[in-house]
Amino acid sequence: MAGLRIAIVSTDGANVNNHFGMAKRFLIYDCNDKITFVEERQTESLSVGDPDHSFDAKKFGRIASLLKDCSKIYVTQIGEVPASKLEELGIEPVIHEGPIANIV
């Protein structure tokens, strides 16, 4: 994973343990020979708690701007529309659950 910047959705700072749409922050890491914490970026959740909610392009745009320097985002789940929109921006959603330390 040389030279990558990644985003991680985590509620506890130690594990990938939340859905993309429920994220209230993204933990940003650089991955070279090891994973190094860079910063925390606060956000508003994309989801409104209703599984049938419509896609909010404005909210997504604000979230995507926080992730524009990342190559991948690690989440436990992500909806089909947000996943495809991230991929269009060159950000690969990765489904992963467990310790952040296990990513590298």
N, C-alpha and C. Protein backbone atom coordinates (compact mmCIF):
# COMPACT_ATOMS: atom_id res chain seq x y z
N MET A 1 0.83 -1.18 0.00
CA MET A 1 0.00 0.00 0.00
C MET A 1 0.88 1.25 0.00
N ALA A 2 1.88 1.28 -0.82
CA ALA A 2 2.83 2.39 -0.81
C ALA A 2 2.24 3.67 -1.38
N GLY A 3 2.41 4.78 -0.65
CA GLY A 3 2.04 6.08 -1.14
C GLY A 3 0.56 6.38 -1.26
N LEU A 4 -0.28 5.74 -0.47
CA LEU A 4 -1.72 5.98 -0.53
C LEU A 4 -2.19 6.82 0.64
N ARG A 5 -3.20 7.61 0.39
CA ARG A 5 -3.92 8.28 1.47
C ARG A 5 -5.29 7.62 1.52
N ILE A 6 -5.70 7.20 2.71
CA ILE A 6 -6.98 6.52 2.87
C ILE A 6 -7.83 7.22 3.92
N ALA A 7 -9.13 7.00 3.82
CA ALA A 7 -10.07 7.47 4.83
C ALA A 7 -10.69 6.25 5.49
N ILE A 8 -10.98 6.37 6.77
CA ILE A 8 -11.56 5.27 7.53
C ILE A 8 -12.76 5.79 8.30
N VAL A 9 -13.85 5.02 8.26
CA VAL A 9 -15.04 5.36 9.04
C VAL A 9 -14.95 4.56 10.34
N SER A 10 -14.83 5.28 11.45
CA SER A 10 -14.65 4.65 12.75
C SER A 10 -15.33 5.49 13.83
N THR A 11 -16.00 4.82 14.74
CA THR A 11 -16.59 5.53 15.88
C THR A 11 -15.66 5.54 17.08
N ASP A 12 -14.69 4.61 17.11
CA ASP A 12 -13.84 4.49 18.29
C ASP A 12 -12.36 4.82 18.03
N GLY A 13 -12.00 5.09 16.79
CA GLY A 13 -10.63 5.43 16.47
C GLY A 13 -9.68 4.25 16.38
N ALA A 14 -10.18 3.06 16.65
CA ALA A 14 -9.32 1.87 16.61
C ALA A 14 -9.78 0.85 15.57
N ASN A 15 -11.06 0.92 15.20
CA ASN A 15 -11.64 -0.08 14.31
C ASN A 15 -12.44 0.57 13.17
N VAL A 16 -12.44 -0.11 12.03
CA VAL A 16 -13.39 0.24 10.97
C VAL A 16 -14.69 -0.39 11.44
N ASN A 17 -15.69 0.46 11.79
CA ASN A 17 -16.87 -0.11 12.44
C ASN A 17 -18.16 0.65 12.17
N ASN A 18 -18.24 1.33 11.01
CA ASN A 18 -19.47 2.07 10.75
C ASN A 18 -19.74 2.15 9.26
N HIS A 19 -21.01 2.40 8.96
CA HIS A 19 -21.54 2.56 7.61
C HIS A 19 -21.14 3.93 7.07
N PHE A 20 -20.83 4.02 5.79
CA PHE A 20 -20.45 5.29 5.17
C PHE A 20 -21.50 6.37 5.44
N GLY A 21 -22.76 6.04 5.25
CA GLY A 21 -23.83 7.02 5.40
C GLY A 21 -24.03 7.53 6.81
N MET A 22 -23.53 6.79 7.80
CA MET A 22 -23.68 7.18 9.20
C MET A 22 -22.46 7.92 9.74
N ALA A 23 -21.41 8.02 8.93
CA ALA A 23 -20.16 8.63 9.39
C ALA A 23 -20.35 10.07 9.83
N LYS A 24 -19.79 10.40 10.99
CA LYS A 24 -19.76 11.77 11.49
C LYS A 24 -18.33 12.32 11.44
N ARG A 25 -17.41 11.44 11.08
CA ARG A 25 -16.01 11.85 10.92
C ARG A 25 -15.30 10.83 10.04
N PHE A 26 -14.22 11.27 9.45
CA PHE A 26 -13.35 10.38 8.69
C PHE A 26 -11.97 10.50 9.29
N LEU A 27 -11.35 9.37 9.55
CA LEU A 27 -9.96 9.35 10.02
C LEU A 27 -9.09 9.18 8.78
N ILE A 28 -8.14 10.07 8.60
CA ILE A 28 -7.31 10.08 7.41
C ILE A 28 -5.92 9.55 7.77
N TYR A 29 -5.45 8.62 6.94
CA TYR A 29 -4.15 7.99 7.16
C TYR A 29 -3.34 8.01 5.88
N ASP A 30 -2.04 8.10 6.00
CA ASP A 30 -1.12 7.87 4.90
C ASP A 30 -0.56 6.47 5.05
N CYS A 31 -0.47 5.78 3.94
CA CYS A 31 0.06 4.41 3.95
C CYS A 31 1.30 4.36 3.08
N ASN A 32 2.41 4.18 3.71
CA ASN A 32 3.68 3.98 3.01
C ASN A 32 4.18 2.61 3.44
N ASP A 33 5.27 2.54 4.17
CA ASP A 33 5.69 1.26 4.74
C ASP A 33 4.84 0.89 5.94
N LYS A 34 4.20 1.90 6.53
CA LYS A 34 3.30 1.69 7.67
C LYS A 34 2.15 2.67 7.55
N ILE A 35 1.13 2.48 8.35
CA ILE A 35 -0.02 3.37 8.35
C ILE A 35 0.21 4.47 9.38
N THR A 36 0.04 5.73 8.96
CA THR A 36 0.31 6.88 9.82
C THR A 36 -0.91 7.79 9.84
N PHE A 37 -1.40 8.07 11.04
CA PHE A 37 -2.55 8.94 11.20
C PHE A 37 -2.18 10.36 10.77
N VAL A 38 -3.05 10.99 9.98
CA VAL A 38 -2.83 12.36 9.51
C VAL A 38 -3.74 13.33 10.25
N GLU A 39 -5.08 13.06 10.19
CA GLU A 39 -6.03 13.97 10.82
C GLU A 39 -7.43 13.36 10.86
N GLU A 40 -8.28 14.02 11.61
CA GLU A 40 -9.69 13.68 11.68
C GLU A 40 -10.46 14.78 10.96
N ARG A 41 -11.40 14.39 10.10
CA ARG A 41 -12.23 15.35 9.38
C ARG A 41 -13.69 15.14 9.78
N GLN A 42 -14.26 16.14 10.39
CA GLN A 42 -15.66 16.08 10.82
C GLN A 42 -16.59 16.26 9.63
N THR A 43 -17.76 15.60 9.69
CA THR A 43 -18.76 15.71 8.64
C THR A 43 -20.15 15.54 9.22
N GLU A 44 -21.15 15.82 8.43
CA GLU A 44 -22.51 15.49 8.80
C GLU A 44 -22.85 14.17 8.11
N SER A 45 -23.67 13.37 8.76
CA SER A 45 -24.05 12.08 8.20
C SER A 45 -24.82 12.26 6.91
N LEU A 46 -24.53 11.41 5.93
CA LEU A 46 -25.28 11.40 4.68
C LEU A 46 -26.68 10.84 4.90
N SER A 47 -26.76 9.83 5.77
CA SER A 47 -28.03 9.16 6.04
C SER A 47 -28.87 9.96 7.02
N VAL A 48 -30.19 9.87 6.84
CA VAL A 48 -31.12 10.49 7.78
C VAL A 48 -31.78 9.43 8.66
N GLY A 49 -31.31 8.19 8.59
CA GLY A 49 -31.83 7.11 9.42
C GLY A 49 -32.94 6.31 8.77
N ASP A 50 -33.43 6.75 7.62
CA ASP A 50 -34.48 6.04 6.89
C ASP A 50 -33.82 5.27 5.76
N PRO A 51 -33.93 3.93 5.76
CA PRO A 51 -33.26 3.15 4.72
C PRO A 51 -33.75 3.47 3.30
N ASP A 52 -34.91 4.07 3.19
CA ASP A 52 -35.46 4.41 1.88
C ASP A 52 -35.25 5.88 1.50
N HIS A 53 -34.36 6.58 2.25
CA HIS A 53 -34.16 8.00 1.96
C HIS A 53 -33.57 8.18 0.56
N SER A 54 -33.89 9.31 -0.04
CA SER A 54 -33.34 9.60 -1.36
C SER A 54 -31.90 10.10 -1.21
N PHE A 55 -31.16 9.96 -2.29
CA PHE A 55 -29.76 10.39 -2.30
C PHE A 55 -29.71 11.91 -2.28
N ASP A 56 -28.95 12.46 -1.35
CA ASP A 56 -28.82 13.91 -1.20
C ASP A 56 -27.50 14.34 -1.85
N ALA A 57 -27.59 14.83 -3.08
CA ALA A 57 -26.40 15.18 -3.85
C ALA A 57 -25.60 16.31 -3.20
N LYS A 58 -26.27 17.26 -2.57
CA LYS A 58 -25.55 18.37 -1.93
C LYS A 58 -24.74 17.89 -0.73
N LYS A 59 -25.38 17.08 0.12
CA LYS A 59 -24.64 16.53 1.27
C LYS A 59 -23.48 15.67 0.79
N PHE A 60 -23.76 14.82 -0.21
CA PHE A 60 -22.70 13.96 -0.73
C PHE A 60 -21.55 14.80 -1.27
N GLY A 61 -21.86 15.89 -1.95
CA GLY A 61 -20.81 16.75 -2.49
C GLY A 61 -19.91 17.32 -1.41
N ARG A 62 -20.53 17.72 -0.29
CA ARG A 62 -19.73 18.24 0.83
C ARG A 62 -18.84 17.13 1.41
N ILE A 63 -19.39 15.93 1.53
CA ILE A 63 -18.61 14.80 2.05
C ILE A 63 -17.49 14.44 1.09
N ALA A 64 -17.81 14.37 -0.19
CA ALA A 64 -16.81 14.01 -1.20
C ALA A 64 -15.65 15.00 -1.21
N SER A 65 -15.94 16.28 -0.96
CA SER A 65 -14.85 17.27 -0.95
C SER A 65 -13.87 17.02 0.19
N LEU A 66 -14.35 16.40 1.28
CA LEU A 66 -13.46 16.05 2.39
C LEU A 66 -12.54 14.87 2.05
N LEU A 67 -12.94 14.09 1.06
CA LEU A 67 -12.23 12.85 0.73
C LEU A 67 -11.43 12.94 -0.57
N LYS A 68 -11.40 14.11 -1.19
CA LYS A 68 -10.84 14.23 -2.54
C LYS A 68 -9.36 13.85 -2.65
N ASP A 69 -8.62 13.89 -1.56
CA ASP A 69 -7.21 13.52 -1.60
C ASP A 69 -6.98 12.05 -1.23
N CYS A 70 -8.06 11.29 -1.05
CA CYS A 70 -7.95 9.89 -0.65
C CYS A 70 -8.15 8.95 -1.85
N SER A 71 -7.42 7.85 -1.85
CA SER A 71 -7.55 6.84 -2.90
C SER A 71 -8.57 5.78 -2.53
N LYS A 72 -8.74 5.53 -1.23
CA LYS A 72 -9.65 4.50 -0.75
C LYS A 72 -10.36 4.99 0.50
N ILE A 73 -11.55 4.43 0.73
CA ILE A 73 -12.25 4.65 1.98
C ILE A 73 -12.70 3.30 2.51
N TYR A 74 -12.39 3.05 3.78
CA TYR A 74 -12.72 1.79 4.44
C TYR A 74 -13.98 1.98 5.27
N VAL A 75 -14.99 1.15 4.99
CA VAL A 75 -16.30 1.23 5.64
C VAL A 75 -16.82 -0.18 5.89
N THR A 76 -17.78 -0.31 6.80
CA THR A 76 -18.40 -1.62 6.99
C THR A 76 -19.50 -1.86 5.97
N GLN A 77 -20.14 -0.78 5.52
CA GLN A 77 -21.19 -0.85 4.51
C GLN A 77 -21.25 0.47 3.77
N ILE A 78 -21.78 0.42 2.54
CA ILE A 78 -22.00 1.64 1.77
C ILE A 78 -23.08 1.35 0.75
N GLY A 79 -23.94 2.32 0.54
CA GLY A 79 -24.99 2.17 -0.45
C GLY A 79 -24.43 2.14 -1.86
N GLU A 80 -25.23 1.59 -2.77
CA GLU A 80 -24.82 1.46 -4.16
C GLU A 80 -24.56 2.82 -4.82
N VAL A 81 -25.44 3.78 -4.59
CA VAL A 81 -25.28 5.11 -5.22
C VAL A 81 -24.04 5.82 -4.68
N PRO A 82 -23.87 5.96 -3.35
CA PRO A 82 -22.65 6.63 -2.88
C PRO A 82 -21.38 5.91 -3.32
N ALA A 83 -21.41 4.58 -3.35
CA ALA A 83 -20.22 3.82 -3.78
C ALA A 83 -19.88 4.16 -5.23
N SER A 84 -20.87 4.19 -6.10
CA SER A 84 -20.60 4.48 -7.51
C SER A 84 -20.14 5.93 -7.69
N LYS A 85 -20.71 6.85 -6.91
CA LYS A 85 -20.30 8.26 -7.00
C LYS A 85 -18.85 8.44 -6.54
N LEU A 86 -18.47 7.73 -5.46
CA LEU A 86 -17.08 7.79 -5.01
C LEU A 86 -16.14 7.23 -6.07
N GLU A 87 -16.54 6.10 -6.67
CA GLU A 87 -15.70 5.49 -7.71
C GLU A 87 -15.51 6.44 -8.89
N GLU A 88 -16.56 7.18 -9.25
CA GLU A 88 -16.45 8.17 -10.33
C GLU A 88 -15.41 9.23 -9.99
N LEU A 89 -15.22 9.50 -8.71
CA LEU A 89 -14.24 10.49 -8.26
C LEU A 89 -12.85 9.88 -8.06
N GLY A 90 -12.72 8.57 -8.32
CA GLY A 90 -11.44 7.90 -8.16
C GLY A 90 -11.15 7.42 -6.75
N ILE A 91 -12.20 7.32 -5.93
CA ILE A 91 -12.05 6.84 -4.55
C ILE A 91 -12.68 5.46 -4.46
N GLU A 92 -11.89 4.47 -4.10
CA GLU A 92 -12.36 3.09 -4.03
C GLU A 92 -12.94 2.78 -2.65
N PRO A 93 -14.24 2.46 -2.58
CA PRO A 93 -14.80 2.01 -1.30
C PRO A 93 -14.34 0.57 -1.02
N VAL A 94 -13.87 0.34 0.20
CA VAL A 94 -13.42 -0.99 0.60
C VAL A 94 -14.26 -1.42 1.80
N ILE A 95 -14.94 -2.55 1.65
CA ILE A 95 -15.73 -3.09 2.76
C ILE A 95 -14.78 -3.84 3.67
N HIS A 96 -14.72 -3.41 4.92
CA HIS A 96 -13.77 -3.98 5.89
C HIS A 96 -14.35 -3.74 7.28
N GLU A 97 -14.18 -4.70 8.14
CA GLU A 97 -14.59 -4.51 9.52
C GLU A 97 -13.51 -5.08 10.41
N GLY A 98 -13.08 -4.29 11.37
CA GLY A 98 -12.05 -4.75 12.30
C GLY A 98 -11.01 -3.69 12.56
N PRO A 99 -9.93 -4.09 13.22
CA PRO A 99 -8.90 -3.13 13.63
C PRO A 99 -8.26 -2.38 12.46
N ILE A 100 -8.10 -1.09 12.65
CA ILE A 100 -7.43 -0.27 11.64
C ILE A 100 -6.01 -0.78 11.41
N ALA A 101 -5.36 -1.23 12.47
CA ALA A 101 -3.99 -1.73 12.37
C ALA A 101 -3.86 -2.92 11.41
N ASN A 102 -4.95 -3.63 11.16
CA ASN A 102 -4.91 -4.79 10.25
C ASN A 102 -5.00 -4.41 8.78
N ILE A 103 -5.20 -3.14 8.49
CA ILE A 103 -5.33 -2.72 7.09
C ILE A 103 -4.02 -2.84 6.34
N VAL A 104 -2.92 -2.50 6.97
CA VAL A 104 -1.62 -2.55 6.29
C VAL A 104 -1.07 -3.96 6.35
